[in-house]
Amino acid sequence: QVQLVESGGGLVQAGGSLRLSCAASGIIFSRNAMGWYRQVPGKQRELVAIIGTDGSAIYQDSVKGRFTISRDNAKNTVYLQMNSLKPEDTAVYSCLARKGGDDYWGQGTQVTVSS
C-alpha cells in the first residue's frame, strides 16, 4: 500500500524558515507527481505546490518566491523549503502522491508561525 510520512513541521518565528519532508513508499516514486497542500480549521484545503516527474513545479500565488518544492527520487522523498514564513502560513501541511487516477495523502504536519 501507499504510505506517505511527513516531517519537519514545528514552531517558527515570522521571517524564519522550515523544510518539510515527505517520505513515500508503495509507489514507483520517480513516476508520480508529488505535492504539498495545507489546511486551516474552517477553511478548505488548498494547494501549496506540486512537482511533476520532470521537476517542473507550480505554486500557490501567496507562496511564490518564498517556497520551493523539490524531490529526491533516490530517497523517495519530496521536500518543501519554506522561507520568509508569515503567520498566515500557519496550517497543517499534507503530502500528496498522485498515482494514475488515484490520490494518496500523508497524515499531515503542523506548521505554526508566530509574529
N, C-alpha and C. Protein backbone atom coordinates (compact mmCIF):
# COMPACT_ATOMS: atom_id res chain seq x y z
N GLN A 1 0.81 -1.16 0.00
CA GLN A 1 0.00 0.00 0.00
C GLN A 1 0.88 1.25 0.00
N VAL A 2 0.28 2.34 -0.42
CA VAL A 2 0.98 3.61 -0.47
C VAL A 2 1.01 4.22 0.92
N GLN A 3 2.17 4.68 1.33
CA GLN A 3 2.31 5.36 2.61
C GLN A 3 3.15 6.61 2.42
N LEU A 4 2.68 7.71 2.98
CA LEU A 4 3.38 8.98 2.94
C LEU A 4 3.54 9.48 4.37
N VAL A 5 4.75 9.83 4.76
CA VAL A 5 5.03 10.26 6.12
C VAL A 5 5.73 11.61 6.07
N GLU A 6 5.05 12.64 6.60
CA GLU A 6 5.61 13.98 6.63
C GLU A 6 6.40 14.21 7.91
N SER A 7 7.36 15.11 7.82
CA SER A 7 8.12 15.53 8.98
C SER A 7 8.65 16.94 8.74
N GLY A 8 9.14 17.57 9.79
CA GLY A 8 9.77 18.87 9.66
C GLY A 8 8.94 20.05 10.12
N GLY A 9 7.69 19.82 10.47
CA GLY A 9 6.87 20.90 10.96
C GLY A 9 7.29 21.33 12.35
N GLY A 10 6.76 22.46 12.78
CA GLY A 10 7.09 22.97 14.10
C GLY A 10 6.71 24.42 14.24
N LEU A 11 7.26 25.03 15.27
CA LEU A 11 7.00 26.43 15.59
C LEU A 11 8.20 27.27 15.16
N VAL A 12 7.93 28.33 14.44
CA VAL A 12 8.99 29.21 13.95
C VAL A 12 8.50 30.65 14.00
N GLN A 13 9.42 31.57 14.19
CA GLN A 13 9.08 32.99 14.18
C GLN A 13 8.91 33.50 12.76
N ALA A 14 8.09 34.52 12.61
CA ALA A 14 7.91 35.15 11.31
C ALA A 14 9.26 35.55 10.73
N GLY A 15 9.42 35.28 9.44
CA GLY A 15 10.68 35.54 8.77
C GLY A 15 11.63 34.37 8.77
N GLY A 16 11.32 33.35 9.54
CA GLY A 16 12.17 32.18 9.63
C GLY A 16 11.90 31.18 8.53
N SER A 17 12.56 30.03 8.63
CA SER A 17 12.48 29.01 7.61
C SER A 17 12.25 27.63 8.21
N LEU A 18 11.59 26.78 7.45
CA LEU A 18 11.43 25.37 7.77
C LEU A 18 11.55 24.58 6.48
N ARG A 19 11.97 23.33 6.60
CA ARG A 19 11.94 22.42 5.47
C ARG A 19 11.13 21.19 5.84
N LEU A 20 10.05 20.98 5.11
CA LEU A 20 9.22 19.80 5.29
C LEU A 20 9.71 18.68 4.40
N SER A 21 9.60 17.46 4.90
CA SER A 21 9.95 16.28 4.13
C SER A 21 8.77 15.32 4.09
N CYS A 22 8.65 14.61 2.99
CA CYS A 22 7.63 13.58 2.85
C CYS A 22 8.29 12.36 2.25
N ALA A 23 8.38 11.30 3.04
CA ALA A 23 8.96 10.04 2.60
C ALA A 23 7.85 9.13 2.10
N ALA A 24 8.00 8.63 0.89
CA ALA A 24 6.98 7.82 0.24
C ALA A 24 7.41 6.37 0.11
N SER A 25 6.45 5.48 0.23
CA SER A 25 6.66 4.07 -0.04
C SER A 25 5.42 3.51 -0.72
N GLY A 26 5.58 2.38 -1.39
CA GLY A 26 4.45 1.77 -2.06
C GLY A 26 4.16 2.31 -3.45
N ILE A 27 5.01 3.19 -3.93
CA ILE A 27 4.88 3.73 -5.28
C ILE A 27 6.24 3.71 -5.95
N ILE A 28 6.22 3.73 -7.28
CA ILE A 28 7.46 3.98 -8.02
C ILE A 28 7.60 5.49 -8.05
N PHE A 29 8.36 6.00 -7.12
CA PHE A 29 8.35 7.42 -6.79
C PHE A 29 8.62 8.30 -8.01
N SER A 30 9.61 7.92 -8.81
CA SER A 30 10.02 8.76 -9.92
C SER A 30 8.96 8.89 -11.01
N ARG A 31 7.95 8.05 -10.98
CA ARG A 31 6.91 8.06 -12.00
C ARG A 31 5.65 8.82 -11.56
N ASN A 32 5.68 9.44 -10.41
CA ASN A 32 4.49 10.07 -9.86
C ASN A 32 4.71 11.54 -9.55
N ALA A 33 3.68 12.33 -9.82
CA ALA A 33 3.67 13.71 -9.35
C ALA A 33 3.48 13.73 -7.84
N MET A 34 4.09 14.71 -7.19
CA MET A 34 4.00 14.86 -5.75
C MET A 34 3.64 16.30 -5.42
N GLY A 35 3.02 16.49 -4.26
CA GLY A 35 2.63 17.84 -3.91
C GLY A 35 2.47 18.07 -2.43
N TRP A 36 2.30 19.33 -2.10
CA TRP A 36 2.01 19.76 -0.74
C TRP A 36 0.74 20.60 -0.74
N TYR A 37 -0.12 20.31 0.23
CA TYR A 37 -1.33 21.08 0.47
C TYR A 37 -1.33 21.52 1.93
N ARG A 38 -2.18 22.49 2.24
CA ARG A 38 -2.31 22.92 3.62
C ARG A 38 -3.76 23.25 3.94
N GLN A 39 -4.08 23.16 5.24
CA GLN A 39 -5.45 23.38 5.67
C GLN A 39 -5.48 24.02 7.05
N VAL A 40 -6.34 25.01 7.18
CA VAL A 40 -6.62 25.66 8.45
C VAL A 40 -8.04 25.27 8.85
N PRO A 41 -8.31 25.01 10.14
CA PRO A 41 -9.66 24.67 10.55
C PRO A 41 -10.68 25.69 10.07
N GLY A 42 -11.78 25.18 9.50
CA GLY A 42 -12.82 26.04 8.99
C GLY A 42 -12.64 26.50 7.56
N LYS A 43 -11.53 26.13 6.95
CA LYS A 43 -11.27 26.51 5.57
C LYS A 43 -10.95 25.27 4.74
N GLN A 44 -11.12 25.40 3.43
CA GLN A 44 -10.83 24.30 2.53
C GLN A 44 -9.33 24.07 2.41
N ARG A 45 -8.97 22.81 2.20
CA ARG A 45 -7.58 22.50 1.93
C ARG A 45 -7.16 23.14 0.61
N GLU A 46 -5.98 23.72 0.58
CA GLU A 46 -5.54 24.44 -0.60
C GLU A 46 -4.17 23.96 -1.07
N LEU A 47 -3.98 24.06 -2.36
CA LEU A 47 -2.70 23.71 -2.96
C LEU A 47 -1.61 24.66 -2.49
N VAL A 48 -0.46 24.11 -2.13
CA VAL A 48 0.73 24.90 -1.89
C VAL A 48 1.67 24.79 -3.09
N ALA A 49 2.01 23.57 -3.48
CA ALA A 49 2.91 23.35 -4.61
C ALA A 49 2.78 21.92 -5.08
N ILE A 50 2.99 21.73 -6.37
CA ILE A 50 3.04 20.40 -6.97
C ILE A 50 4.26 20.32 -7.86
N ILE A 51 4.94 19.17 -7.82
CA ILE A 51 6.10 18.95 -8.68
C ILE A 51 5.85 17.72 -9.53
N GLY A 52 6.12 17.83 -10.81
CA GLY A 52 5.91 16.75 -11.74
C GLY A 52 7.10 15.82 -11.81
N THR A 53 6.96 14.79 -12.64
CA THR A 53 8.03 13.81 -12.77
C THR A 53 9.28 14.39 -13.42
N ASP A 54 9.12 15.47 -14.17
CA ASP A 54 10.26 16.10 -14.83
C ASP A 54 10.86 17.23 -14.01
N GLY A 55 10.36 17.45 -12.80
CA GLY A 55 10.86 18.50 -11.94
C GLY A 55 10.18 19.84 -12.09
N SER A 56 9.27 19.96 -13.03
CA SER A 56 8.53 21.20 -13.16
C SER A 56 7.57 21.37 -12.00
N ALA A 57 7.30 22.61 -11.61
CA ALA A 57 6.52 22.87 -10.42
C ALA A 57 5.56 24.02 -10.63
N ILE A 58 4.45 23.98 -9.89
CA ILE A 58 3.52 25.09 -9.81
C ILE A 58 3.31 25.42 -8.34
N TYR A 59 2.99 26.69 -8.08
CA TYR A 59 2.85 27.18 -6.71
C TYR A 59 1.60 28.02 -6.56
N GLN A 60 1.04 28.00 -5.36
CA GLN A 60 0.03 28.96 -4.99
C GLN A 60 0.66 30.35 -5.01
N ASP A 61 -0.11 31.34 -5.47
CA ASP A 61 0.44 32.68 -5.62
C ASP A 61 1.04 33.22 -4.33
N SER A 62 0.42 32.93 -3.21
CA SER A 62 0.86 33.51 -1.94
C SER A 62 2.22 33.00 -1.47
N VAL A 63 2.70 31.90 -2.03
CA VAL A 63 3.99 31.35 -1.61
C VAL A 63 5.06 31.48 -2.67
N LYS A 64 4.72 31.98 -3.84
CA LYS A 64 5.70 32.13 -4.91
C LYS A 64 6.84 33.04 -4.46
N GLY A 65 8.06 32.60 -4.72
CA GLY A 65 9.23 33.35 -4.32
C GLY A 65 9.69 33.08 -2.91
N ARG A 66 8.87 32.39 -2.12
CA ARG A 66 9.23 32.07 -0.74
C ARG A 66 9.40 30.57 -0.51
N PHE A 67 8.58 29.76 -1.18
CA PHE A 67 8.61 28.32 -1.00
C PHE A 67 9.20 27.66 -2.25
N THR A 68 9.88 26.54 -2.06
CA THR A 68 10.42 25.76 -3.16
C THR A 68 10.13 24.28 -2.92
N ILE A 69 9.49 23.64 -3.89
CA ILE A 69 9.27 22.21 -3.82
C ILE A 69 10.36 21.51 -4.62
N SER A 70 10.84 20.39 -4.10
CA SER A 70 11.86 19.63 -4.79
C SER A 70 11.66 18.15 -4.48
N ARG A 71 12.34 17.31 -5.23
CA ARG A 71 12.22 15.88 -4.99
C ARG A 71 13.57 15.21 -5.17
N ASP A 72 13.79 14.16 -4.40
CA ASP A 72 14.98 13.34 -4.49
C ASP A 72 14.50 11.93 -4.77
N ASN A 73 14.53 11.54 -6.03
CA ASN A 73 13.99 10.24 -6.40
C ASN A 73 14.77 9.08 -5.79
N ALA A 74 16.07 9.25 -5.58
CA ALA A 74 16.87 8.20 -4.97
C ALA A 74 16.46 7.93 -3.53
N LYS A 75 15.90 8.94 -2.86
CA LYS A 75 15.47 8.80 -1.48
C LYS A 75 13.95 8.68 -1.34
N ASN A 76 13.23 8.67 -2.45
CA ASN A 76 11.77 8.60 -2.43
C ASN A 76 11.17 9.68 -1.52
N THR A 77 11.69 10.88 -1.65
CA THR A 77 11.31 11.96 -0.74
C THR A 77 11.04 13.24 -1.52
N VAL A 78 9.99 13.94 -1.13
CA VAL A 78 9.69 15.26 -1.65
C VAL A 78 9.84 16.26 -0.51
N TYR A 79 10.34 17.44 -0.83
CA TYR A 79 10.62 18.46 0.17
C TYR A 79 9.84 19.73 -0.15
N LEU A 80 9.60 20.50 0.89
CA LEU A 80 9.08 21.85 0.74
C LEU A 80 9.93 22.77 1.59
N GLN A 81 10.78 23.55 0.94
CA GLN A 81 11.58 24.54 1.63
C GLN A 81 10.75 25.81 1.76
N MET A 82 10.55 26.25 2.99
CA MET A 82 9.71 27.40 3.27
C MET A 82 10.57 28.49 3.90
N ASN A 83 10.72 29.59 3.19
CA ASN A 83 11.48 30.73 3.66
C ASN A 83 10.57 31.93 3.86
N SER A 84 11.06 32.91 4.60
CA SER A 84 10.30 34.14 4.85
C SER A 84 8.89 33.83 5.32
N LEU A 85 8.78 32.95 6.28
CA LEU A 85 7.47 32.49 6.74
C LEU A 85 6.68 33.62 7.38
N LYS A 86 5.38 33.58 7.17
CA LYS A 86 4.44 34.56 7.68
C LYS A 86 3.42 33.87 8.58
N PRO A 87 2.82 34.60 9.52
CA PRO A 87 1.80 33.98 10.36
C PRO A 87 0.67 33.33 9.56
N GLU A 88 0.32 33.90 8.42
CA GLU A 88 -0.74 33.33 7.61
C GLU A 88 -0.36 32.01 6.94
N ASP A 89 0.90 31.60 7.04
CA ASP A 89 1.31 30.29 6.57
C ASP A 89 0.98 29.18 7.57
N THR A 90 0.55 29.55 8.76
CA THR A 90 0.21 28.57 9.79
C THR A 90 -0.90 27.65 9.29
N ALA A 91 -0.65 26.35 9.34
CA ALA A 91 -1.60 25.36 8.84
C ALA A 91 -1.05 23.97 9.08
N VAL A 92 -1.89 22.98 8.83
CA VAL A 92 -1.43 21.60 8.74
C VAL A 92 -1.07 21.34 7.29
N TYR A 93 0.16 20.93 7.07
CA TYR A 93 0.66 20.67 5.73
C TYR A 93 0.66 19.17 5.47
N SER A 94 0.08 18.77 4.34
CA SER A 94 -0.05 17.36 3.99
C SER A 94 0.60 17.08 2.65
N CYS A 95 1.15 15.90 2.54
CA CYS A 95 1.83 15.45 1.34
C CYS A 95 0.86 14.68 0.46
N LEU A 96 0.94 14.90 -0.84
CA LEU A 96 0.11 14.22 -1.83
C LEU A 96 0.98 13.43 -2.80
N ALA A 97 0.57 12.21 -3.08
CA ALA A 97 1.12 11.44 -4.19
C ALA A 97 0.00 11.16 -5.18
N ARG A 98 0.25 11.45 -6.44
CA ARG A 98 -0.73 11.21 -7.49
C ARG A 98 -0.24 10.05 -8.34
N LYS A 99 -0.93 8.92 -8.22
CA LYS A 99 -0.58 7.70 -8.92
C LYS A 99 -1.70 7.35 -9.86
N GLY A 100 -1.47 7.57 -11.15
CA GLY A 100 -2.53 7.36 -12.11
C GLY A 100 -3.71 8.25 -11.79
N GLY A 101 -4.87 7.65 -11.65
CA GLY A 101 -6.07 8.40 -11.32
C GLY A 101 -6.37 8.49 -9.84
N ASP A 102 -5.47 8.03 -9.00
CA ASP A 102 -5.69 7.99 -7.55
C ASP A 102 -4.77 8.95 -6.82
N ASP A 103 -5.30 9.55 -5.74
CA ASP A 103 -4.54 10.42 -4.87
C ASP A 103 -4.34 9.76 -3.52
N TYR A 104 -3.16 9.94 -2.95
CA TYR A 104 -2.82 9.41 -1.63
C TYR A 104 -2.27 10.53 -0.77
N TRP A 105 -2.63 10.50 0.51
CA TRP A 105 -2.30 11.58 1.44
C TRP A 105 -1.55 11.09 2.65
N GLY A 106 -0.64 11.91 3.13
CA GLY A 106 0.01 11.66 4.39
C GLY A 106 -0.85 12.16 5.55
N GLN A 107 -0.34 12.00 6.76
CA GLN A 107 -1.11 12.35 7.96
C GLN A 107 -1.07 13.83 8.28
N GLY A 108 -0.13 14.55 7.72
CA GLY A 108 -0.01 15.98 7.94
C GLY A 108 0.98 16.32 9.03
N THR A 109 1.56 17.51 8.92
CA THR A 109 2.46 18.03 9.93
C THR A 109 2.12 19.50 10.19
N GLN A 110 2.09 19.87 11.45
CA GLN A 110 1.68 21.22 11.84
C GLN A 110 2.82 22.20 11.67
N VAL A 111 2.53 23.31 11.03
CA VAL A 111 3.44 24.44 10.92
C VAL A 111 2.78 25.63 11.59
N THR A 112 3.46 26.22 12.56
CA THR A 112 2.95 27.38 13.26
C THR A 112 3.98 28.49 13.19
N VAL A 113 3.56 29.65 12.69
CA VAL A 113 4.44 30.80 12.54
C VAL A 113 3.96 31.89 13.48
N SER A 114 4.80 32.29 14.39
CA SER A 114 4.46 33.31 15.36
C SER A 114 4.94 34.67 14.89
N SER A 115 4.24 35.71 15.32
CA SER A 115 4.61 37.07 14.95
C SER A 115 5.44 37.74 16.03
